[in-house]
Amino acid sequence: MKVGVFDSGVGGLTVAKSLYESRLFSDIVYYGDTARVPYGSKDQNTVLRYALEAIEFFNGVDVDFVVVACNTVSVVALAQMQQYSNKPVYGVIEPGVLALQQRQLDKNDDRILVIATKATINSGEYQRRIEALGYGQVIARATPLFVPLVEEQCYQGPILDAVLQHYFADLSAHAITTVVLGCTHYPLIAQAIAAYFNGALTIHSGEAMVAWLQQQLQLNAHFDKTRVTIYASENVAAVKRVAAQWGLPLQSDAPAK
């Protein structure tokens, strides 16, 4: 089984890592649109155009299905991608909610903060799905500055601390207990986010993507080795560096596409 992973930049590597560790796939082909990241602040027509260009790329790649590891694309363009793709395409919103559901939190006492790009928050997808599960205390906040910080590999330090303060200074009274990382870039700064909220639990879609795919596709194969190939629209070397930091061993060199 071969899987393609698409993201606006390096954030989807957090999903690719979960897929890699599952040993359910012989090949992972990753494509990051690093030339045009971030997507979350762009209008829907632009995001749709970029998403369909990504599908055009994967239509020519030998994979069995594609995981859209970008939450913004998942809420804006998933249906259109599925229409134009020659293979199945899956988003990350449902697995992200599944990851929360699996933690079996207290639906009355736990205070859940959902953070994501503007497009994802404005869509209301996470809020609606989480509230439908019966959670009564849900706060949503757009945090777009985290994406370029992660792309610049700024995972800690005074700049990140200042941005955390900028977004969350007014939330201390809410005693946040759980943070849903509604952007696949955010797990790369999860430690800093958790520390800001005094050890709050952080949840992201990569944690549940494997379980969700197993439910959908009834996967049961096991591969001793998984081949990881990285493509990018710009600066593929930078994406490979982040992949290595994230623990993804690259077994081939792929040129930028």
C-alpha atoms as a PDB file:
ATOM      1  CA  MET A   1       0.000   0.000   0.000  1.00  0.00           C
ATOM      2  CA  LYS A   2       1.404   3.377  -1.055  1.00  0.00           C
ATOM      3  CA  VAL A   3       0.160   6.686   0.359  1.00  0.00           C
ATOM      4  CA  GLY A   4       0.583  10.263  -0.793  1.00  0.00           C
ATOM      5  CA  VAL A   5       0.608  13.108   1.749  1.00  0.00           C
ATOM      6  CA  PHE A   6      -0.072  16.705   0.734  1.00  0.00           C
ATOM      7  CA  ASP A   7       0.432  19.829   2.819  1.00  0.00           C
ATOM      8  CA  SER A   8       0.940  23.537   2.248  1.00  0.00           C
ATOM      9  CA  GLY A   9       4.440  23.241   3.731  1.00  0.00           C
ATOM     10  CA  VAL A  10       6.276  21.133   6.299  1.00  0.00           C
ATOM     11  CA  GLY A  11       3.438  20.680   8.773  1.00  0.00           C
ATOM     12  CA  GLY A  12       2.082  17.548   7.136  1.00  0.00           C
ATOM     13  CA  LEU A  13       5.282  15.758   8.099  1.00  0.00           C
ATOM     14  CA  THR A  14       3.657  15.279  11.504  1.00  0.00           C
ATOM     15  CA  VAL A  15       0.983  13.174   9.786  1.00  0.00           C
ATOM     16  CA  ALA A  16       3.559  11.419   7.613  1.00  0.00           C
ATOM     17  CA  LYS A  17       5.429  10.424  10.779  1.00  0.00           C
ATOM     18  CA  SER A  18       2.345   8.681  12.171  1.00  0.00           C
ATOM     19  CA  LEU A  19       1.833   6.869   8.876  1.00  0.00           C
ATOM     20  CA  TYR A  20       5.484   5.846   8.827  1.00  0.00           C
ATOM     21  CA  GLU A  21       5.433   4.476  12.365  1.00  0.00           C
ATOM     22  CA  SER A  22       2.348   2.360  11.640  1.00  0.00           C
ATOM     23  CA  ARG A  23       4.333   0.147   9.209  1.00  0.00           C
ATOM     24  CA  LEU A  24       1.145  -0.247   7.189  1.00  0.00           C
ATOM     25  CA  PHE A  25       2.598   1.302   4.046  1.00  0.00           C
ATOM     26  CA  SER A  26       5.408   0.340   1.711  1.00  0.00           C
ATOM     27  CA  ASP A  27       5.821   3.908   0.428  1.00  0.00           C
ATOM     28  CA  ILE A  28       5.039   7.432   1.572  1.00  0.00           C
ATOM     29  CA  VAL A  29       5.254  10.201  -1.034  1.00  0.00           C
ATOM     30  CA  TYR A  30       5.156  13.659   0.521  1.00  0.00           C
ATOM     31  CA  TYR A  31       4.496  16.892  -1.368  1.00  0.00           C
ATOM     32  CA  GLY A  32       4.746  20.272   0.349  1.00  0.00           C
ATOM     33  CA  ASP A  33       3.735  23.453  -1.461  1.00  0.00           C
ATOM     34  CA  THR A  34       6.456  25.449   0.281  1.00  0.00           C
ATOM     35  CA  ALA A  35       6.543  28.099  -2.437  1.00  0.00           C
ATOM     36  CA  ARG A  36       3.052  29.329  -1.458  1.00  0.00           C
ATOM     37  CA  VAL A  37       2.707  28.566   2.250  1.00  0.00           C
ATOM     38  CA  PRO A  38       0.714  29.622   4.274  1.00  0.00           C
ATOM     39  CA  TYR A  39      -2.710  28.771   2.866  1.00  0.00           C
ATOM     40  CA  GLY A  40      -4.821  29.784   5.858  1.00  0.00           C
ATOM     41  CA  SER A  41      -4.855  33.507   5.092  1.00  0.00           C
ATOM     42  CA  LYS A  42      -5.630  33.103   1.375  1.00  0.00           C
ATOM     43  CA  ASP A  43      -9.090  33.328  -0.182  1.00  0.00           C
ATOM     44  CA  GLN A  44     -10.991  30.128  -0.912  1.00  0.00           C
ATOM     45  CA  ASN A  45     -10.619  30.304  -4.706  1.00  0.00           C
ATOM     46  CA  THR A  46      -6.849  30.530  -4.374  1.00  0.00           C
ATOM     47  CA  VAL A  47      -6.696  27.602  -1.952  1.00  0.00           C
ATOM     48  CA  LEU A  48      -8.913  25.582  -4.294  1.00  0.00           C
ATOM     49  CA  ARG A  49      -6.625  26.302  -7.247  1.00  0.00           C
ATOM     50  CA  TYR A  50      -3.530  25.243  -5.283  1.00  0.00           C
ATOM     51  CA  ALA A  51      -5.294  22.107  -4.046  1.00  0.00           C
ATOM     52  CA  LEU A  52      -6.285  21.026  -7.546  1.00  0.00           C
ATOM     53  CA  GLU A  53      -2.721  21.584  -8.742  1.00  0.00           C
ATOM     54  CA  ALA A  54      -1.600  19.227  -5.958  1.00  0.00           C
ATOM     55  CA  ILE A  55      -4.113  16.638  -7.167  1.00  0.00           C
ATOM     56  CA  GLU A  56      -2.698  17.005 -10.664  1.00  0.00           C
ATOM     57  CA  PHE A  57       0.715  16.166  -9.191  1.00  0.00           C
ATOM     58  CA  PHE A  58      -0.550  13.089  -7.346  1.00  0.00           C
ATOM     59  CA  ASN A  59      -2.557  11.909 -10.361  1.00  0.00           C
ATOM     60  CA  GLY A  60       0.817  11.218 -11.942  1.00  0.00           C
ATOM     61  CA  VAL A  61       2.333   9.507  -8.888  1.00  0.00           C
ATOM     62  CA  ASP A  62       2.137   5.821  -8.049  1.00  0.00           C
ATOM     63  CA  VAL A  63       0.162   5.936  -4.784  1.00  0.00           C
ATOM     64  CA  ASP A  64      -3.061   4.194  -3.771  1.00  0.00           C
ATOM     65  CA  PHE A  65      -4.644   7.190  -2.049  1.00  0.00           C
ATOM     66  CA  VAL A  66      -3.849  10.712  -0.879  1.00  0.00           C
ATOM     67  CA  VAL A  67      -4.049  12.167   2.617  1.00  0.00           C
ATOM     68  CA  VAL A  68      -4.624  15.921   2.669  1.00  0.00           C
ATOM     69  CA  ALA A  69      -2.613  16.858   5.751  1.00  0.00           C
ATOM     70  CA  CYS A  70      -3.640  20.508   5.554  1.00  0.00           C
ATOM     71  CA  ASN A  71      -6.669  21.448   7.641  1.00  0.00           C
ATOM     72  CA  THR A  72      -7.349  24.553   5.542  1.00  0.00           C
ATOM     73  CA  VAL A  73      -7.496  22.508   2.344  1.00  0.00           C
ATOM     74  CA  SER A  74      -9.575  19.850   4.102  1.00  0.00           C
ATOM     75  CA  VAL A  75     -12.313  22.353   4.923  1.00  0.00           C
ATOM     76  CA  VAL A  76     -12.138  24.397   1.698  1.00  0.00           C
ATOM     77  CA  ALA A  77     -11.348  22.041  -1.161  1.00  0.00           C
ATOM     78  CA  LEU A  78     -11.622  18.373  -0.165  1.00  0.00           C
ATOM     79  CA  ALA A  79     -14.778  17.649  -2.183  1.00  0.00           C
ATOM     80  CA  GLN A  80     -13.320  19.156  -5.343  1.00  0.00           C
ATOM     81  CA  MET A  81     -10.054  17.284  -4.879  1.00  0.00           C
ATOM     82  CA  GLN A  82     -11.972  14.027  -4.576  1.00  0.00           C
ATOM     83  CA  GLN A  83     -13.861  14.857  -7.757  1.00  0.00           C
ATOM     84  CA  TYR A  84     -10.748  15.478  -9.858  1.00  0.00           C
ATOM     85  CA  SER A  85      -8.483  12.821  -8.348  1.00  0.00           C
ATOM     86  CA  ASN A  86      -7.913   9.433  -9.990  1.00  0.00           C
ATOM     87  CA  LYS A  87      -7.550   7.862  -6.521  1.00  0.00           C
ATOM     88  CA  PRO A  88      -9.249   8.291  -3.124  1.00  0.00           C
ATOM     89  CA  VAL A  89      -8.507  11.495  -1.181  1.00  0.00           C
ATOM     90  CA  TYR A  90      -8.964  11.845   2.601  1.00  0.00           C
ATOM     91  CA  GLY A  91      -8.826  14.936   4.822  1.00  0.00           C
ATOM     92  CA  VAL A  92      -7.708  15.417   8.431  1.00  0.00           C
ATOM     93  CA  ILE A  93     -10.735  16.981  10.145  1.00  0.00           C
ATOM     94  CA  GLU A  94     -12.515  13.722  11.009  1.00  0.00           C
ATOM     95  CA  PRO A  95      -9.336  12.049  12.314  1.00  0.00           C
ATOM     96  CA  GLY A  96      -8.604  15.166  14.381  1.00  0.00           C
ATOM     97  CA  VAL A  97     -11.987  14.960  16.066  1.00  0.00           C
ATOM     98  CA  LEU A  98     -11.513  11.210  16.509  1.00  0.00           C
ATOM     99  CA  ALA A  99      -8.235  11.901  18.322  1.00  0.00           C
ATOM    100  CA  LEU A 100     -10.137  14.089  20.779  1.00  0.00           C
ATOM    101  CA  GLN A 101     -12.922  11.552  21.182  1.00  0.00           C
ATOM    102  CA  GLN A 102     -10.434   8.772  21.955  1.00  0.00           C
ATOM    103  CA  ARG A 103      -9.123  10.690  24.974  1.00  0.00           C
ATOM    104  CA  GLN A 104     -12.505  10.386  26.721  1.00  0.00           C
ATOM    105  CA  LEU A 105     -12.328  13.800  28.364  1.00  0.00           C
ATOM    106  CA  ASP A 106     -14.860  15.117  30.849  1.00  0.00           C
ATOM    107  CA  LYS A 107     -17.493  16.741  28.661  1.00  0.00           C
ATOM    108  CA  ASN A 108     -18.599  19.137  31.377  1.00  0.00           C
ATOM    109  CA  ASP A 109     -15.367  20.174  33.087  1.00  0.00           C
ATOM    110  CA  ASP A 110     -12.691  20.070  30.379  1.00  0.00           C
ATOM    111  CA  ARG A 111     -12.124  23.384  28.633  1.00  0.00           C
ATOM    112  CA  ILE A 112     -11.104  22.787  25.019  1.00  0.00           C
ATOM    113  CA  LEU A 113      -9.256  25.355  22.933  1.00  0.00           C
ATOM    114  CA  VAL A 114      -9.213  24.824  19.168  1.00  0.00           C
ATOM    115  CA  ILE A 115      -6.418  26.669  17.352  1.00  0.00           C
ATOM    116  CA  ALA A 116      -5.947  26.749  13.589  1.00  0.00           C
ATOM    117  CA  THR A 117      -5.606  29.067  10.610  1.00  0.00           C
ATOM    118  CA  LYS A 118      -8.237  31.703   9.900  1.00  0.00           C
ATOM    119  CA  ALA A 119      -9.848  29.643   7.155  1.00  0.00           C
ATOM    120  CA  THR A 120     -10.200  26.565   9.365  1.00  0.00           C
ATOM    121  CA  ILE A 121     -11.572  28.484  12.349  1.00  0.00           C
ATOM    122  CA  ASN A 122     -13.951  30.543  10.204  1.00  0.00           C
ATOM    123  CA  SER A 123     -15.345  27.356   8.666  1.00  0.00           C
ATOM    124  CA  GLY A 124     -16.514  26.246  12.116  1.00  0.00           C
ATOM    125  CA  GLU A 125     -15.879  22.585  11.243  1.00  0.00           C
ATOM    126  CA  TYR A 126     -13.970  21.665  14.388  1.00  0.00           C
ATOM    127  CA  GLN A 127     -16.307  23.611  16.656  1.00  0.00           C
ATOM    128  CA  ARG A 128     -19.441  21.983  15.232  1.00  0.00           C
ATOM    129  CA  ARG A 129     -18.046  18.469  15.347  1.00  0.00           C
ATOM    130  CA  ILE A 130     -16.645  18.801  18.873  1.00  0.00           C
ATOM    131  CA  GLU A 131     -19.827  20.354  20.245  1.00  0.00           C
ATOM    132  CA  ALA A 132     -21.846  17.590  18.547  1.00  0.00           C
ATOM    133  CA  LEU A 133     -19.919  15.114  20.709  1.00  0.00           C
ATOM    134  CA  GLY A 134     -21.338  16.839  23.774  1.00  0.00           C
ATOM    135  CA  TYR A 135     -18.418  18.995  24.898  1.00  0.00           C
ATOM    136  CA  GLY A 136     -19.826  22.106  26.502  1.00  0.00           C
ATOM    137  CA  GLN A 137     -16.775  24.369  26.842  1.00  0.00           C
ATOM    138  CA  VAL A 138     -15.142  24.966  23.467  1.00  0.00           C
ATOM    139  CA  ILE A 139     -13.164  28.068  22.491  1.00  0.00           C
ATOM    140  CA  ALA A 140     -11.844  28.605  18.958  1.00  0.00           C
ATOM    141  CA  ARG A 141      -9.043  30.961  17.997  1.00  0.00           C
ATOM    142  CA  ALA A 142      -7.265  31.671  14.721  1.00  0.00           C
ATOM    143  CA  THR A 143      -3.477  31.609  15.181  1.00  0.00           C
ATOM    144  CA  PRO A 144      -2.019  32.091  11.683  1.00  0.00           C
ATOM    145  CA  LEU A 145       1.392  33.364  12.787  1.00  0.00           C
ATOM    146  CA  PHE A 146       2.337  29.914  14.039  1.00  0.00           C
ATOM    147  CA  VAL A 147       2.568  28.590  10.468  1.00  0.00           C
ATOM    148  CA  PRO A 148       5.417  30.830   9.228  1.00  0.00           C
ATOM    149  CA  LEU A 149       7.211  30.349  12.555  1.00  0.00           C
ATOM    150  CA  VAL A 150       7.178  26.591  12.034  1.00  0.00           C
ATOM    151  CA  GLU A 151       8.241  26.976   8.413  1.00  0.00           C
ATOM    152  CA  GLU A 152      11.218  28.986   9.723  1.00  0.00           C
ATOM    153  CA  GLN A 153      11.889  26.198  12.261  1.00  0.00           C
ATOM    154  CA  CYS A 154      11.276  28.568  15.164  1.00  0.00           C
ATOM    155  CA  TYR A 155      10.122  25.935  17.634  1.00  0.00           C
ATOM    156  CA  GLN A 156      11.091  27.791  20.828  1.00  0.00           C
ATOM    157  CA  GLY A 157      12.521  31.078  22.054  1.00  0.00           C
ATOM    158  CA  PRO A 158      11.442  34.690  22.586  1.00  0.00           C
ATOM    159  CA  ILE A 159       9.720  35.166  19.228  1.00  0.00           C
ATOM    160  CA  LEU A 160       7.465  32.164  19.740  1.00  0.00           C
ATOM    161  CA  ASP A 161       6.871  33.185  23.352  1.00  0.00           C
ATOM    162  CA  ALA A 162       5.753  36.637  22.201  1.00  0.00           C
ATOM    163  CA  VAL A 163       3.306  35.145  19.690  1.00  0.00           C
ATOM    164  CA  LEU A 164       1.877  32.811  22.327  1.00  0.00           C
ATOM    165  CA  GLN A 165       1.325  35.808  24.575  1.00  0.00           C
ATOM    166  CA  HIS A 166      -0.207  37.773  21.701  1.00  0.00           C
ATOM    167  CA  TYR A 167      -2.818  35.117  21.008  1.00  0.00           C
ATOM    168  CA  PHE A 168      -3.533  33.731  24.455  1.00  0.00           C
ATOM    169  CA  ALA A 169      -2.945  36.473  27.054  1.00  0.00           C
ATOM    170  CA  ASP A 170      -6.679  36.787  27.682  1.00  0.00           C
ATOM    171  CA  LEU A 171      -7.280  33.046  28.102  1.00  0.00           C
ATOM    172  CA  SER A 172      -5.562  32.421  31.425  1.00  0.00           C
ATOM    173  CA  ALA A 173      -8.844  32.798  33.294  1.00  0.00           C
ATOM    174  CA  HIS A 174     -10.391  30.015  31.211  1.00  0.00           C
ATOM    175  CA  ALA A 175      -7.974  27.408  32.621  1.00  0.00           C
ATOM    176  CA  ILE A 176      -7.585  25.620  29.311  1.00  0.00           C
ATOM    177  CA  THR A 177      -7.121  21.873  29.855  1.00  0.00           C
ATOM    178  CA  THR A 178      -6.979  20.615  26.247  1.00  0.00           C
ATOM    179  CA  VAL A 179      -5.704  22.231  23.046  1.00  0.00           C
ATOM    180  CA  VAL A 180      -6.775  20.814  19.689  1.00  0.00           C
ATOM    181  CA  LEU A 181      -4.030  21.582  17.188  1.00  0.00           C
ATOM    182  CA  GLY A 182      -6.179  22.211  14.124  1.00  0.00           C
ATOM    183  CA  CYS A 183      -3.222  22.715  11.824  1.00  0.00           C
ATOM    184  CA  THR A 184      -0.630  20.052  11.086  1.00  0.00           C
ATOM    185  CA  HIS A 185       2.156  22.603  11.506  1.00  0.00           C
ATOM    186  CA  TYR A 186       1.312  23.046  15.168  1.00  0.00           C
ATOM    187  CA  PRO A 187       2.546  19.712  16.609  1.00  0.00           C
ATOM    188  CA  LEU A 188       6.063  20.950  15.909  1.00  0.00           C
ATOM    189  CA  ILE A 189       5.498  23.606  18.612  1.00  0.00           C
ATOM    190  CA  ALA A 190       3.211  21.481  20.777  1.00  0.00           C
ATOM    191  CA  GLN A 191       5.610  21.492  23.720  1.00  0.00           C
ATOM    192  CA  ALA A 192       5.648  25.278  23.853  1.00  0.00           C
ATOM    193  CA  ILE A 193       1.856  25.463  23.569  1.00  0.00           C
ATOM    194  CA  ALA A 194       1.347  22.878  26.314  1.00  0.00           C
ATOM    195  CA  ALA A 195       3.820  24.671  28.572  1.00  0.00           C
ATOM    196  CA  TYR A 196       2.028  27.993  28.092  1.00  0.00           C
ATOM    197  CA  PHE A 197      -1.164  26.402  29.395  1.00  0.00           C
ATOM    198  CA  ASN A 198       0.577  24.755  32.353  1.00  0.00           C
ATOM    199  CA  GLY A 199       0.807  21.289  30.859  1.00  0.00           C
ATOM    200  CA  ALA A 200      -2.466  21.196  28.931  1.00  0.00           C
ATOM    201  CA  LEU A 201      -3.091  18.137  26.788  1.00  0.00           C
ATOM    202  CA  THR A 202      -2.443  18.762  23.076  1.00  0.00           C
ATOM    203  CA  ILE A 203      -4.215  16.740  20.392  1.00  0.00           C
ATOM    204  CA  HIS A 204      -3.603  16.608  16.645  1.00  0.00           C
ATOM    205  CA  SER A 205      -5.001  14.677  13.705  1.00  0.00           C
ATOM    206  CA  GLY A 206      -1.823  12.707  13.041  1.00  0.00           C
ATOM    207  CA  GLU A 207      -2.443  10.789  16.245  1.00  0.00           C
ATOM    208  CA  ALA A 208      -5.701   9.332  14.922  1.00  0.00           C
ATOM    209  CA  MET A 209      -5.059   9.288  11.167  1.00  0.00           C
ATOM    210  CA  VAL A 210      -3.749   5.715  11.209  1.00  0.00           C
ATOM    211  CA  ALA A 211      -6.706   4.418  13.237  1.00  0.00           C
ATOM    212  CA  TRP A 212      -9.140   6.290  11.013  1.00  0.00           C
ATOM    213  CA  LEU A 213      -7.569   4.913   7.826  1.00  0.00           C
ATOM    214  CA  GLN A 214      -7.656   1.411   9.268  1.00  0.00           C
ATOM    215  CA  GLN A 215     -11.375   1.836   9.854  1.00  0.00           C
ATOM    216  CA  GLN A 216     -11.956   3.131   6.337  1.00  0.00           C
ATOM    217  CA  LEU A 217      -9.654   0.804   4.391  1.00  0.00           C
ATOM    218  CA  GLN A 218      -9.324  -2.252   6.666  1.00  0.00           C
ATOM    219  CA  LEU A 219      -5.536  -2.099   6.523  1.00  0.00           C
ATOM    220  CA  ASN A 220      -3.641  -5.020   8.038  1.00  0.00           C
ATOM    221  CA  ALA A 221      -0.344  -5.318   6.124  1.00  0.00           C
ATOM    222  CA  HIS A 222       3.024  -4.920   7.832  1.00  0.00           C
ATOM    223  CA  PHE A 223       6.184  -3.655   6.155  1.00  0.00           C
ATOM    224  CA  ASP A 224       9.615  -3.917   7.738  1.00  0.00           C
ATOM    225  CA  LYS A 225      10.716  -0.858   5.793  1.00  0.00           C
ATOM    226  CA  THR A 226       8.785   2.125   4.520  1.00  0.00           C
ATOM    227  CA  ARG A 227      10.263   4.173   1.710  1.00  0.00           C
ATOM    228  CA  VAL A 228       9.827   7.937   2.212  1.00  0.00           C
ATOM    229  CA  THR A 229      10.155  10.310  -0.735  1.00  0.00           C
ATOM    230  CA  ILE A 230       9.945  14.079  -0.369  1.00  0.00           C
ATOM    231  CA  TYR A 231       8.857  16.574  -3.018  1.00  0.00           C
ATOM    232  CA  ALA A 232       8.341  20.328  -2.646  1.00  0.00           C
ATOM    233  CA  SER A 233       7.412  23.245  -4.870  1.00  0.00           C
ATOM    234  CA  GLU A 234      10.389  25.163  -3.452  1.00  0.00           C
ATOM    235  CA  ASN A 235      13.459  24.396  -1.334  1.00  0.00           C
ATOM    236  CA  VAL A 236      13.027  20.646  -1.046  1.00  0.00           C
ATOM    237  CA  ALA A 237      16.257  20.480   0.979  1.00  0.00           C
ATOM    238  CA  ALA A 238      14.619  22.448   3.814  1.00  0.00           C
ATOM    239  CA  VAL A 239      11.659  20.062   3.884  1.00  0.00           C
ATOM    240  CA  LYS A 240      14.035  17.103   4.050  1.00  0.00           C
ATOM    241  CA  ARG A 241      15.839  18.681   7.006  1.00  0.00           C
ATOM    242  CA  VAL A 242      12.592  19.022   8.919  1.00  0.00           C
ATOM    243  CA  ALA A 243      11.648  15.458   7.958  1.00  0.00           C
ATOM    244  CA  ALA A 244      14.926  14.219   9.413  1.00  0.00           C
ATOM    245  CA  GLN A 245      14.349  16.221  12.603  1.00  0.00           C
ATOM    246  CA  TRP A 246      10.881  14.711  12.848  1.00  0.00           C
ATOM    247  CA  GLY A 247      12.375  11.209  12.576  1.00  0.00           C
ATOM    248  CA  LEU A 248      11.491  10.350   8.989  1.00  0.00           C
ATOM    249  CA  PRO A 249      14.413   8.509   7.378  1.00  0.00           C
ATOM    250  CA  LEU A 250      14.650   9.465   3.716  1.00  0.00           C
ATOM    251  CA  GLN A 251      15.622   6.523   1.585  1.00  0.00           C
ATOM    252  CA  SER A 252      15.786   8.305  -1.747  1.00  0.00           C
ATOM    253  CA  ASP A 253      16.563  11.738  -3.120  1.00  0.00           C
ATOM    254  CA  ALA A 254      13.714  13.300  -5.032  1.00  0.00           C
ATOM    255  CA  PRO A 255      14.038  16.434  -7.102  1.00  0.00           C
ATOM    256  CA  ALA A 256      11.741  19.370  -6.514  1.00  0.00           C
ATOM    257  CA  LYS A 257       8.595  19.366  -8.636  1.00  0.00           C
END
